[in-house]
Each structure stands twice: as C-alpha cells, then as structure tokens.
Amino acid sequence: MAGHDKILLGLMIGVVVMMVITFTFNGLSGQGAPPLYLNSTGTISAKYETGITPAGWTFSIWGVIYLWQSLFIVFSFYTVFKKTDEGPSYTNPKILTMPLFVTYFTNLCLNIGWTLSFDRESLIAAFVLLFLIAFTLYICLFFSYRSFAEHSPKLAKQGRNLEIWCHRVIVHNAFGIYATWTTIATLLNVIMVMVYVADPGVEIETAGTVALGILTAEIIIFAGTDLILLDKYSRYTVTPYLVVMVALGGSISKNYDSTKTNSIFTVVLLAIGCVLAVSKLIVMLWRHFKKPMFNNLQIEPTGYTMKA
C-alpha cells in the first residue's frame, strides 16, 4: 500500500458498494417489487401525467447513464492499479478527489431516497430529492473539471494520453449525461407538484409551459457558457446535448398535438437543441485541431505498470 491514500481508497470502495445498492433499488423500483416498493416507477409516472413526459422508450436512457457511471468507477480503479514513477496514478496527481467521491456518494443516497419517496407519491419530497440529485452532479462536474484543468498538463507532459481521454470521455460525460437527465426529470416533478399538490392546482398546460420555459433558459445558459466561457473545462463534454435531444424527441413522440402550444414549444426547443448540438460538434472539432489544449508541452519520460 506504499504511496496509496487509504482514506481516498476506502471512500472509492464505499462508492462501489453504494452504487451496487443504488442499481439494485432502481431495478426493484422499476418493477414495483414489494415490500420495498408499492408501485412501479412507470405506474406512478402515468398516474401523474404532465403533458410533456417523454415516451416510455426514452427512459431506457437510464441503462446508458448507469453504464457510463460504471465506466467511471472502472476507470477510477484502473488509476489505482496503474503505477507511475512517482507512485499510484490516482494520487500522482490527485484528479478524482475526496470531495468528488463524497459528493457522488451523497448523490447515490439521494437517488435511493427519490425512488422511495416517488413510490410513496410524496411528490414534494421527490421533487426536492431530484433537485438535489442534479445539484450534486453539477458539483461533481465542478470538482472533476477543476482538478483535471489543474493537473492535465502534467499528464500531457508525461505522455499519459489514455488517462487524459478517459477523463474527458468517461468521467466528464458520465456526470454530464446523469446531470442533464435528472435536471429534465426535476422539471417534470415541478409540473407534478404544480398540478397535483398545489392548492389551487395549476392547469397542466400552463405548468408544462412554465417547465419548458425554464428548460429553454437552462439550455441557453448552459450552451452559452459551455461554448464561450468554459471551453478550457468542458470542450469534450457532449452528452448534455444528446440528452436534450432524446428527451425532447421522446416528448414529441408521445404527446405531439399540433393544436397545443406546448407541442409547438417542444418542437421549436428540439430544433434549437439540434442546432446547438451541431454547433457544439463543429466548435469542438475546430478547437481540437486549431487550438489544442497542450500545444507546446515537452513530453517527459515516465514509466508505469499495472502493479498494485
């Protein structure tokens, strides 16, 4: 264990255990398996219709989300076993930090809490928990972006290109896909609270318009900051754009009615999302070739093995 951070390593193992528990609870909630769950998640979603809830096939994205989370964990432990001249890769330098894993562990606990509260039809509690799930994921993105931006030049100097791309493709996009989907799900929960809990309740069409308006603002703010301000951090994070297109496409697939305002709103928003996704791809590729992150760094010789 020479050179290892035992506290960080223990926390990583704890995250693995909690992830397995979370996956198990999610599987049980999807089936409505008693005694933990009284209903399936799909049954509750159908009971509290929002008017813009995506089609059932859209929710298969959870499989992709959890696959990406699993890859994040696999990569995390890959860096534990990978040795550099200075010691284990995961501590030289520390990019996946203790605050990140603490936040992610909290997120998994909140995930379980949401499945239970939604099953019990506690819509306000479910909304709060889902909001916190998304919020903790943005914190994870912050920690991962900041640490990677600080230490990636060292990885580049040592020729550790595989790690660089794993952080970009696996870690950042794992948090990105999960955060974006739960952000959209939070807006669906907002509609449920406005329509079915508020007294007097809001008309479902009005509540849907409010949620779509909030989503529009979020998309514009996100795309603006991503493309203009945060290139240093988020250049290769593309999953949020894909999630928006899948969610809005699924909503149109299920709910489209040319006589309804929200259907037209959703179509326009999907068009905007597609334009932004294409813009992201073009800008990312142009900057990759014309403005590479590590253009003038001299590669330093280093050696690494896969010994524990």
Foldseek 3Di string as FASTA:
>chain_A
DPPDDVVQVVLLVVLVVLLVVLVVLLVCQQVQPPDLFNHHLVVLCVVLDQLQFFDPVLVCCVVVLSVLVVLVSVVLVQQQLKAKPVGGRCVVPPLCDPVLSVLSSVLSVLSSVLSRCSRVVVLVSNLVSLVSNLVSLVVSLVSNLVSCLVCVLVCVQQVVVVSNVCSLPRVNQSSLQRNLVSVLVSLSSQLSCQAPPDVVHDPSLVSLVVSLVVVLVVVVVVLCCCLPPQCSRNLRHQNNLVSLLSSLVRSLVPNADPVGPSNVSSVVVNVVSVVSSVVSVVSSVCCCVPPNPNDPHHHDHMDMDRHD
